[in-house]
């Protein structure tokens, strides 16, 4: 299993942890489920997606992966 570092507002993290506890799952499991759903999007029509997925679809098309890797490398040295 791979690790993933995310930057998330502390209030969101707190709410996510409470929600996960009530649901009997981990926050990691929730994120993994969400990412699996997003990664499967090309096989689905946009109008068939849940609203949350429609809102974030394509958001990272212009992301510079090399710049982000350099940032993470310097941050976690």
Protein backbone atom coordinates (compact mmCIF):
# COMPACT_ATOMS: atom_id res chain seq x y z
CA UNK A 1 0.00 0.00 0.00
CA UNK A 2 1.27 3.49 -0.86
CA UNK A 3 1.29 6.54 1.35
CA UNK A 4 -0.20 9.84 0.23
CA UNK A 5 0.37 13.24 1.80
CA UNK A 6 -2.54 15.67 1.61
CA UNK A 7 -2.95 19.25 2.78
CA UNK A 8 -6.41 19.60 4.29
CA UNK A 9 -7.98 22.30 6.42
CA UNK A 10 -7.83 21.16 10.09
CA UNK A 11 -11.56 21.73 10.53
CA UNK A 12 -12.29 19.42 7.60
CA UNK A 13 -9.96 16.78 9.05
CA UNK A 14 -11.72 16.97 12.40
CA UNK A 15 -15.17 16.61 10.81
CA UNK A 16 -13.94 13.76 8.61
CA UNK A 17 -12.56 11.89 11.62
CA UNK A 18 -15.85 12.25 13.50
CA UNK A 19 -17.81 11.09 10.46
CA UNK A 20 -15.48 8.13 9.90
CA UNK A 21 -15.79 7.08 13.53
CA UNK A 22 -19.61 7.17 13.34
CA UNK A 23 -19.48 5.10 10.14
CA UNK A 24 -16.99 2.62 11.57
CA UNK A 25 -14.36 3.25 8.88
CA UNK A 26 -11.02 5.02 8.71
CA UNK A 27 -10.45 8.35 7.02
CA UNK A 28 -7.94 6.54 4.80
CA UNK A 29 -10.63 4.11 3.68
CA UNK A 30 -12.97 7.01 2.90
CA UNK A 31 -10.30 8.79 0.83
CA UNK A 32 -9.37 5.57 -0.96
CA UNK A 33 -13.02 4.93 -1.85
CA UNK A 34 -13.41 8.48 -3.13
CA UNK A 35 -10.22 8.34 -5.20
CA UNK A 36 -11.21 4.97 -6.67
CA UNK A 37 -14.54 6.49 -7.72
CA UNK A 38 -12.86 9.52 -9.28
CA UNK A 39 -10.28 7.37 -11.08
CA UNK A 40 -13.09 5.35 -12.65
CA UNK A 41 -14.79 8.48 -14.06
CA UNK A 42 -13.75 8.15 -17.75
CA UNK A 43 -16.06 5.17 -18.11
CA UNK A 44 -19.08 7.19 -16.97
CA UNK A 45 -21.03 10.07 -18.45
CA UNK A 46 -20.61 13.36 -16.57
CA UNK A 47 -24.34 13.75 -15.91
CA UNK A 48 -24.37 10.29 -14.23
CA UNK A 49 -21.79 11.35 -11.64
CA UNK A 50 -22.66 12.42 -8.11
CA UNK A 51 -22.52 16.23 -7.70
CA UNK A 52 -19.30 16.14 -5.65
CA UNK A 53 -17.47 14.27 -8.42
CA UNK A 54 -18.84 16.59 -11.12
CA UNK A 55 -17.54 19.57 -9.13
CA UNK A 56 -13.93 18.32 -9.00
CA UNK A 57 -13.68 16.55 -12.35
CA UNK A 58 -10.77 17.88 -14.39
CA UNK A 59 -9.55 20.21 -11.65
CA UNK A 60 -5.91 19.07 -11.96
CA UNK A 61 -5.55 19.06 -15.75
CA UNK A 62 -3.09 21.97 -15.66
CA UNK A 63 -1.17 20.77 -12.58
CA UNK A 64 2.62 20.74 -12.94
CA UNK A 65 3.58 17.37 -11.49
CA UNK A 66 7.34 18.05 -11.63
CA UNK A 67 6.96 21.29 -9.66
CA UNK A 68 4.82 19.54 -7.06
CA UNK A 69 7.38 16.73 -6.69
CA UNK A 70 10.14 19.32 -6.18
CA UNK A 71 8.00 21.05 -3.56
CA UNK A 72 7.36 17.80 -1.68
CA UNK A 73 11.03 16.80 -1.89
CA UNK A 74 12.15 20.08 -0.33
CA UNK A 75 9.37 20.05 2.27
CA UNK A 76 10.08 16.52 3.53
CA UNK A 77 13.89 16.42 3.45
